[in-house]
PDB file of all heavy atoms in Angstrom:
ATOM      1  N   PHE A   1     -10.593  10.028  18.812  1.00  0.00           N
ATOM      2  CA  PHE A   1     -10.260   9.494  17.499  1.00  0.00           C
ATOM      3  C   PHE A   1     -11.229   9.939  16.401  1.00  0.00           C
ATOM      4  O   PHE A   1     -10.987   9.687  15.227  1.00  0.00           O
ATOM      5  CB  PHE A   1     -10.232   7.962  17.544  1.00  0.00           C
ATOM      6  CG  PHE A   1      -9.008   7.393  18.200  1.00  0.00           C
ATOM      7  CD1 PHE A   1      -9.068   6.900  19.491  1.00  0.00           C
ATOM      8  CD2 PHE A   1      -7.800   7.359  17.535  1.00  0.00           C
ATOM      9  CE1 PHE A   1      -7.934   6.369  20.108  1.00  0.00           C
ATOM     10  CE2 PHE A   1      -6.658   6.831  18.135  1.00  0.00           C
ATOM     11  CZ  PHE A   1      -6.731   6.332  19.423  1.00  0.00           C
ATOM     12  N   GLY A   2     -12.339  10.559  16.777  1.00  0.00           N
ATOM     13  CA  GLY A   2     -13.302  10.972  15.770  1.00  0.00           C
ATOM     14  C   GLY A   2     -14.323   9.891  15.463  1.00  0.00           C
ATOM     15  O   GLY A   2     -14.212   8.750  15.929  1.00  0.00           O
ATOM     16  N   ILE A   3     -15.307  10.242  14.663  1.00  0.00           N
ATOM     17  CA  ILE A   3     -16.476   9.386  14.482  1.00  0.00           C
ATOM     18  C   ILE A   3     -16.197   8.209  13.556  1.00  0.00           C
ATOM     19  O   ILE A   3     -15.329   8.268  12.686  1.00  0.00           O
ATOM     20  CB  ILE A   3     -17.690  10.183  13.957  1.00  0.00           C
ATOM     21  CG1 ILE A   3     -17.411  10.737  12.547  1.00  0.00           C
ATOM     22  CG2 ILE A   3     -18.048  11.294  14.919  1.00  0.00           C
ATOM     23  CD1 ILE A   3     -18.637  11.346  11.891  1.00  0.00           C
ATOM     24  N   SER A   4     -16.975   7.158  13.770  1.00  0.00           N
ATOM     25  CA  SER A   4     -16.928   5.966  12.913  1.00  0.00           C
ATOM     26  C   SER A   4     -18.296   5.686  12.299  1.00  0.00           C
ATOM     27  O   SER A   4     -18.567   4.577  11.835  1.00  0.00           O
ATOM     28  CB  SER A   4     -16.457   4.746  13.725  1.00  0.00           C
ATOM     29  OG  SER A   4     -15.162   4.946  14.236  1.00  0.00           O
ATOM     30  N   THR A   5     -19.154   6.689  12.304  1.00  0.00           N
ATOM     31  CA  THR A   5     -20.483   6.555  11.705  1.00  0.00           C
ATOM     32  C   THR A   5     -20.491   7.214  10.338  1.00  0.00           C
ATOM     33  O   THR A   5     -19.816   8.216  10.109  1.00  0.00           O
ATOM     34  CB  THR A   5     -21.555   7.180  12.607  1.00  0.00           C
ATOM     35  OG1 THR A   5     -21.034   8.387  13.199  1.00  0.00           O
ATOM     36  CG2 THR A   5     -21.958   6.233  13.710  1.00  0.00           C
ATOM     37  N   GLU A   6     -21.285   6.649   9.429  1.00  0.00           N
ATOM     38  CA  GLU A   6     -21.316   7.108   8.044  1.00  0.00           C
ATOM     39  C   GLU A   6     -22.752   7.172   7.537  1.00  0.00           C
ATOM     40  O   GLU A   6     -23.684   6.750   8.221  1.00  0.00           O
ATOM     41  CB  GLU A   6     -20.504   6.150   7.159  1.00  0.00           C
ATOM     42  CG  GLU A   6     -19.056   5.990   7.575  1.00  0.00           C
ATOM     43  CD  GLU A   6     -18.334   4.925   6.770  1.00  0.00           C
ATOM     44  OE1 GLU A   6     -19.000   4.233   5.966  1.00  0.00           O
ATOM     45  OE2 GLU A   6     -17.114   4.780   6.942  1.00  0.00           O
ATOM     46  N   HIS A   7     -22.902   7.704   6.332  1.00  0.00           N
ATOM     47  CA  HIS A   7     -24.201   7.762   5.656  1.00  0.00           C
ATOM     48  C   HIS A   7     -25.263   8.415   6.547  1.00  0.00           C
ATOM     49  O   HIS A   7     -26.271   7.802   6.909  1.00  0.00           O
ATOM     50  CB  HIS A   7     -24.648   6.370   5.217  1.00  0.00           C
ATOM     51  CG  HIS A   7     -23.663   5.660   4.339  1.00  0.00           C
ATOM     52  ND1 HIS A   7     -23.230   6.186   3.139  1.00  0.00           N
ATOM     53  CD2 HIS A   7     -23.003   4.489   4.506  1.00  0.00           C
ATOM     54  CE1 HIS A   7     -22.350   5.356   2.591  1.00  0.00           C
ATOM     55  NE2 HIS A   7     -22.192   4.320   3.395  1.00  0.00           N
ATOM     56  N   ASP A   8     -24.965   9.679   6.897  1.00  0.00           N
ATOM     57  CA  ASP A   8     -25.882  10.460   7.730  1.00  0.00           C
ATOM     58  C   ASP A   8     -26.121   9.783   9.080  1.00  0.00           C
ATOM     59  O   ASP A   8     -27.217   9.775   9.612  1.00  0.00           O
ATOM     60  CB  ASP A   8     -27.218  10.700   7.012  1.00  0.00           C
ATOM     61  CG  ASP A   8     -27.977  11.888   7.609  1.00  0.00           C
ATOM     62  OD1 ASP A   8     -27.325  12.783   8.175  1.00  0.00           O
ATOM     63  OD2 ASP A   8     -29.209  11.899   7.492  1.00  0.00           O
ATOM     64  N   ARG A   9     -25.063   9.158   9.600  1.00  0.00           N
ATOM     65  CA  ARG A   9     -25.032   8.629  10.965  1.00  0.00           C
ATOM     66  C   ARG A   9     -25.862   7.363  11.180  1.00  0.00           C
ATOM     67  O   ARG A   9     -26.064   6.942  12.308  1.00  0.00           O
ATOM     68  CB  ARG A   9     -25.471   9.703  11.969  1.00  0.00           C
ATOM     69  CG  ARG A   9     -24.633  10.979  11.921  1.00  0.00           C
ATOM     70  CD  ARG A   9     -25.189  12.052  12.850  1.00  0.00           C
ATOM     71  NE  ARG A   9     -24.286  13.180  12.941  1.00  0.00           N
ATOM     72  CZ  ARG A   9     -24.357  14.253  12.170  1.00  0.00           C
ATOM     73  NH1 ARG A   9     -25.274  14.312  11.219  1.00  0.00           N
ATOM     74  NH2 ARG A   9     -23.505  15.244  12.327  1.00  0.00           N
ATOM     75  N   ILE A  10     -26.318   6.737  10.115  1.00  0.00           N
ATOM     76  CA  ILE A  10     -27.158   5.552  10.306  1.00  0.00           C
ATOM     77  C   ILE A  10     -26.355   4.261  10.160  1.00  0.00           C
ATOM     78  O   ILE A  10     -26.868   3.173  10.425  1.00  0.00           O
ATOM     79  CB  ILE A  10     -28.334   5.528   9.309  1.00  0.00           C
ATOM     80  CG1 ILE A  10     -27.827   5.469   7.861  1.00  0.00           C
ATOM     81  CG2 ILE A  10     -29.248   6.723   9.525  1.00  0.00           C
ATOM     82  CD1 ILE A  10     -28.939   5.294   6.839  1.00  0.00           C
ATOM     83  N   PHE A  11     -25.089   4.369   9.744  1.00  0.00           N
ATOM     84  CA  PHE A  11     -24.281   3.176   9.528  1.00  0.00           C
ATOM     85  C   PHE A  11     -23.008   3.268  10.363  1.00  0.00           C
ATOM     86  O   PHE A  11     -22.302   4.270  10.330  1.00  0.00           O
ATOM     87  CB  PHE A  11     -23.905   3.048   8.047  1.00  0.00           C
ATOM     88  CG  PHE A  11     -22.909   1.960   7.755  1.00  0.00           C
ATOM     89  CD1 PHE A  11     -23.267   0.618   7.841  1.00  0.00           C
ATOM     90  CD2 PHE A  11     -21.611   2.282   7.411  1.00  0.00           C
ATOM     91  CE1 PHE A  11     -22.343  -0.377   7.578  1.00  0.00           C
ATOM     92  CE2 PHE A  11     -20.679   1.290   7.147  1.00  0.00           C
ATOM     93  CZ  PHE A  11     -21.047  -0.045   7.228  1.00  0.00           C
ATOM     94  N   LEU A  12     -22.726   2.218  11.144  1.00  0.00           N
ATOM     95  CA  LEU A  12     -21.508   2.151  11.933  1.00  0.00           C
ATOM     96  C   LEU A  12     -20.465   1.347  11.171  1.00  0.00           C
ATOM     97  O   LEU A  12     -20.696   0.193  10.810  1.00  0.00           O
ATOM     98  CB  LEU A  12     -21.776   1.492  13.285  1.00  0.00           C
ATOM     99  CG  LEU A  12     -20.552   1.321  14.195  1.00  0.00           C
ATOM    100  CD1 LEU A  12     -19.998   2.676  14.626  1.00  0.00           C
ATOM    101  CD2 LEU A  12     -20.924   0.483  15.428  1.00  0.00           C
ATOM    102  N   ASN A  13     -19.321   1.968  10.928  1.00  0.00           N
ATOM    103  CA  ASN A  13     -18.214   1.292  10.273  1.00  0.00           C
ATOM    104  C   ASN A  13     -17.505   0.441  11.327  1.00  0.00           C
ATOM    105  O   ASN A  13     -16.648   0.933  12.071  1.00  0.00           O
ATOM    106  CB  ASN A  13     -17.261   2.311   9.655  1.00  0.00           C
ATOM    107  CG  ASN A  13     -16.171   1.665   8.810  1.00  0.00           C
ATOM    108  OD1 ASN A  13     -15.692   0.586   9.125  1.00  0.00           O
ATOM    109  ND2 ASN A  13     -15.789   2.350   7.738  1.00  0.00           N
ATOM    110  N   ASN A  14     -17.875  -0.826  11.397  1.00  0.00           N
ATOM    111  CA  ASN A  14     -17.371  -1.695  12.461  1.00  0.00           C
ATOM    112  C   ASN A  14     -15.860  -1.894  12.395  1.00  0.00           C
ATOM    113  O   ASN A  14     -15.198  -1.966  13.432  1.00  0.00           O
ATOM    114  CB  ASN A  14     -18.083  -3.053  12.398  1.00  0.00           C
ATOM    115  CG  ASN A  14     -19.519  -2.972  12.872  1.00  0.00           C
ATOM    116  OD1 ASN A  14     -19.792  -2.642  14.022  1.00  0.00           O
ATOM    117  ND2 ASN A  14     -20.457  -3.271  11.980  1.00  0.00           N
ATOM    118  N   GLY A  15     -15.313  -1.986  11.193  1.00  0.00           N
ATOM    119  CA  GLY A  15     -13.880  -2.151  11.064  1.00  0.00           C
ATOM    120  C   GLY A  15     -13.118  -0.942  11.568  1.00  0.00           C
ATOM    121  O   GLY A  15     -12.089  -1.073  12.244  1.00  0.00           O
ATOM    122  N   LEU A  16     -13.636   0.249  11.249  1.00  0.00           N
ATOM    123  CA  LEU A  16     -12.973   1.483  11.656  1.00  0.00           C
ATOM    124  C   LEU A  16     -13.009   1.656  13.166  1.00  0.00           C
ATOM    125  O   LEU A  16     -11.989   1.973  13.793  1.00  0.00           O
ATOM    126  CB  LEU A  16     -13.646   2.671  10.965  1.00  0.00           C
ATOM    127  CG  LEU A  16     -13.061   4.055  11.264  1.00  0.00           C
ATOM    128  CD1 LEU A  16     -11.588   4.117  10.890  1.00  0.00           C
ATOM    129  CD2 LEU A  16     -13.864   5.132  10.521  1.00  0.00           C
ATOM    130  N   ILE A  17     -14.173   1.441  13.772  1.00  0.00           N
ATOM    131  CA  ILE A  17     -14.250   1.638  15.222  1.00  0.00           C
ATOM    132  C   ILE A  17     -13.467   0.557  15.964  1.00  0.00           C
ATOM    133  O   ILE A  17     -12.882   0.812  17.027  1.00  0.00           O
ATOM    134  CB  ILE A  17     -15.715   1.704  15.704  1.00  0.00           C
ATOM    135  CG1 ILE A  17     -15.779   2.370  17.088  1.00  0.00           C
ATOM    136  CG2 ILE A  17     -16.377   0.326  15.736  1.00  0.00           C
ATOM    137  CD1 ILE A  17     -17.173   2.747  17.534  1.00  0.00           C
ATOM    138  N   ALA A  18     -13.391  -0.649  15.410  1.00  0.00           N
ATOM    139  CA  ALA A  18     -12.601  -1.716  16.038  1.00  0.00           C
ATOM    140  C   ALA A  18     -11.118  -1.354  16.047  1.00  0.00           C
ATOM    141  O   ALA A  18     -10.404  -1.651  17.017  1.00  0.00           O
ATOM    142  CB  ALA A  18     -12.831  -3.029  15.308  1.00  0.00           C
ATOM    143  N   GLN A  19     -10.667  -0.715  14.968  1.00  0.00           N
ATOM    144  CA  GLN A  19      -9.272  -0.281  14.907  1.00  0.00           C
ATOM    145  C   GLN A  19      -8.973   0.719  16.020  1.00  0.00           C
ATOM    146  O   GLN A  19      -7.950   0.622  16.708  1.00  0.00           O
ATOM    147  CB  GLN A  19      -8.970   0.340  13.550  1.00  0.00           C
ATOM    148  CG  GLN A  19      -7.528   0.813  13.396  1.00  0.00           C
ATOM    149  CD  GLN A  19      -7.301   1.554  12.088  1.00  0.00           C
ATOM    150  OE1 GLN A  19      -8.212   2.170  11.548  1.00  0.00           O
ATOM    151  NE2 GLN A  19      -6.083   1.484  11.575  1.00  0.00           N
ATOM    152  N   LYS A  20      -9.876   1.661  16.221  1.00  0.00           N
ATOM    153  CA  LYS A  20      -9.679   2.671  17.257  1.00  0.00           C
ATOM    154  C   LYS A  20      -9.774   2.052  18.649  1.00  0.00           C
ATOM    155  O   LYS A  20      -9.006   2.404  19.555  1.00  0.00           O
ATOM    156  CB  LYS A  20     -10.712   3.786  17.088  1.00  0.00           C
ATOM    157  CG  LYS A  20     -10.588   4.532  15.767  1.00  0.00           C
ATOM    158  CD  LYS A  20     -11.774   5.443  15.517  1.00  0.00           C
ATOM    159  CE  LYS A  20     -11.679   6.134  14.167  1.00  0.00           C
ATOM    160  NZ  LYS A  20     -12.876   6.968  13.872  1.00  0.00           N
ATOM    161  N   GLU A  21     -10.713   1.133  18.824  1.00  0.00           N
ATOM    162  CA  GLU A  21     -10.837   0.439  20.109  1.00  0.00           C
ATOM    163  C   GLU A  21      -9.577  -0.365  20.415  1.00  0.00           C
ATOM    164  O   GLU A  21      -9.232  -0.575  21.587  1.00  0.00           O
ATOM    165  CB  GLU A  21     -12.065  -0.471  20.097  1.00  0.00           C
ATOM    166  CG  GLU A  21     -13.380   0.287  20.107  1.00  0.00           C
ATOM    167  CD  GLU A  21     -14.574  -0.608  19.811  1.00  0.00           C
ATOM    168  OE1 GLU A  21     -14.378  -1.715  19.251  1.00  0.00           O
ATOM    169  OE2 GLU A  21     -15.707  -0.192  20.127  1.00  0.00           O
ATOM    170  N   GLY A  22      -8.892  -0.798  19.358  1.00  0.00           N
ATOM    171  CA  GLY A  22      -7.665  -1.564  19.536  1.00  0.00           C
ATOM    172  C   GLY A  22      -6.569  -0.792  20.242  1.00  0.00           C
ATOM    173  O   GLY A  22      -5.655  -1.387  20.820  1.00  0.00           O
ATOM    174  N   PHE A  23      -6.637   0.540  20.195  1.00  0.00           N
ATOM    175  CA  PHE A  23      -5.664   1.364  20.902  1.00  0.00           C
ATOM    176  C   PHE A  23      -6.056   1.591  22.368  1.00  0.00           C
ATOM    177  O   PHE A  23      -5.338   2.280  23.094  1.00  0.00           O
ATOM    178  CB  PHE A  23      -5.506   2.716  20.198  1.00  0.00           C
ATOM    179  CG  PHE A  23      -4.787   2.619  18.883  1.00  0.00           C
ATOM    180  CD1 PHE A  23      -5.491   2.661  17.690  1.00  0.00           C
ATOM    181  CD2 PHE A  23      -3.409   2.468  18.834  1.00  0.00           C
ATOM    182  CE1 PHE A  23      -4.835   2.562  16.474  1.00  0.00           C
ATOM    183  CE2 PHE A  23      -2.744   2.365  17.616  1.00  0.00           C
ATOM    184  CZ  PHE A  23      -3.457   2.414  16.436  1.00  0.00           C
ATOM    185  N   GLY A  24      -7.176   1.024  22.785  1.00  0.00           N
ATOM    186  CA  GLY A  24      -7.623   1.182  24.160  1.00  0.00           C
ATOM    187  C   GLY A  24      -8.740   2.191  24.327  1.00  0.00           C
ATOM    188  O   GLY A  24      -9.099   2.555  25.455  1.00  0.00           O
ATOM    189  N   GLY A  25      -9.305   2.652  23.220  1.00  0.00           N
ATOM    190  CA  GLY A  25     -10.400   3.613  23.286  1.00  0.00           C
ATOM    191  C   GLY A  25     -11.750   2.930  23.414  1.00  0.00           C
ATOM    192  O   GLY A  25     -11.896   1.750  23.098  1.00  0.00           O
ATOM    193  N   ARG A  26     -12.731   3.687  23.887  1.00  0.00           N
ATOM    194  CA  ARG A  26     -14.102   3.216  23.984  1.00  0.00           C
ATOM    195  C   ARG A  26     -15.048   4.337  23.546  1.00  0.00           C
ATOM    196  O   ARG A  26     -14.677   5.509  23.495  1.00  0.00           O
ATOM    197  CB  ARG A  26     -14.435   2.758  25.403  1.00  0.00           C
ATOM    198  CG  ARG A  26     -13.672   1.495  25.853  1.00  0.00           C
ATOM    199  CD  ARG A  26     -14.015   0.286  25.000  1.00  0.00           C
ATOM    200  NE  ARG A  26     -13.343  -0.933  25.451  1.00  0.00           N
ATOM    201  CZ  ARG A  26     -12.194  -1.394  24.950  1.00  0.00           C
ATOM    202  NH1 ARG A  26     -11.569  -0.712  23.989  1.00  0.00           N
ATOM    203  NH2 ARG A  26     -11.668  -2.520  25.409  1.00  0.00           N
ATOM    204  N   THR A  27     -16.279   3.965  23.265  1.00  0.00           N
ATOM    205  CA  THR A  27     -17.210   4.884  22.617  1.00  0.00           C
ATOM    206  C   THR A  27     -17.575   6.095  23.473  1.00  0.00           C
ATOM    207  O   THR A  27     -17.913   5.977  24.651  1.00  0.00           O
ATOM    208  CB  THR A  27     -18.495   4.147  22.219  1.00  0.00           C
ATOM    209  OG1 THR A  27     -18.166   3.119  21.274  1.00  0.00           O
ATOM    210  CG2 THR A  27     -19.505   5.102  21.580  1.00  0.00           C
ATOM    211  N   GLY A  28     -17.496   7.252  22.847  1.00  0.00           N
ATOM    212  CA  GLY A  28     -18.069   8.497  23.344  1.00  0.00           C
ATOM    213  C   GLY A  28     -18.892   9.057  22.199  1.00  0.00           C
ATOM    214  O   GLY A  28     -18.652   8.723  21.039  1.00  0.00           O
ATOM    215  N   VAL A  29     -19.874   9.888  22.490  1.00  0.00           N
ATOM    216  CA  VAL A  29     -20.794  10.291  21.436  1.00  0.00           C
ATOM    217  C   VAL A  29     -20.804  11.798  21.210  1.00  0.00           C
ATOM    218  O   VAL A  29     -20.536  12.581  22.116  1.00  0.00           O
ATOM    219  CB  VAL A  29     -22.239   9.808  21.730  1.00  0.00           C
ATOM    220  CG1 VAL A  29     -22.290   8.291  21.796  1.00  0.00           C
ATOM    221  CG2 VAL A  29     -22.793  10.422  23.013  1.00  0.00           C
ATOM    222  N   TYR A  30     -21.092  12.154  19.959  1.00  0.00           N
ATOM    223  CA  TYR A  30     -21.394  13.533  19.588  1.00  0.00           C
ATOM    224  C   TYR A  30     -22.912  13.608  19.418  1.00  0.00           C
ATOM    225  O   TYR A  30     -23.474  12.925  18.558  1.00  0.00           O
ATOM    226  CB  TYR A  30     -20.755  13.925  18.262  1.00  0.00           C
ATOM    227  CG  TYR A  30     -19.255  13.816  18.152  1.00  0.00           C
ATOM    228  CD1 TYR A  30     -18.642  14.011  16.914  1.00  0.00           C
ATOM    229  CD2 TYR A  30     -18.435  13.523  19.244  1.00  0.00           C
ATOM    230  CE1 TYR A  30     -17.276  13.926  16.759  1.00  0.00           C
ATOM    231  CE2 TYR A  30     -17.067  13.440  19.103  1.00  0.00           C
ATOM    232  CZ  TYR A  30     -16.483  13.639  17.856  1.00  0.00           C
ATOM    233  OH  TYR A  30     -15.120  13.549  17.700  1.00  0.00           O
TER     234      TYR A  30
END
């Protein structure tokens, strides 16, 4: 689904990642 981090990777957009997790996804990292 692509990244949910912002502002040079120091901020996690909790709403955005929750939406993606809602489809059954879980965190993987770049």
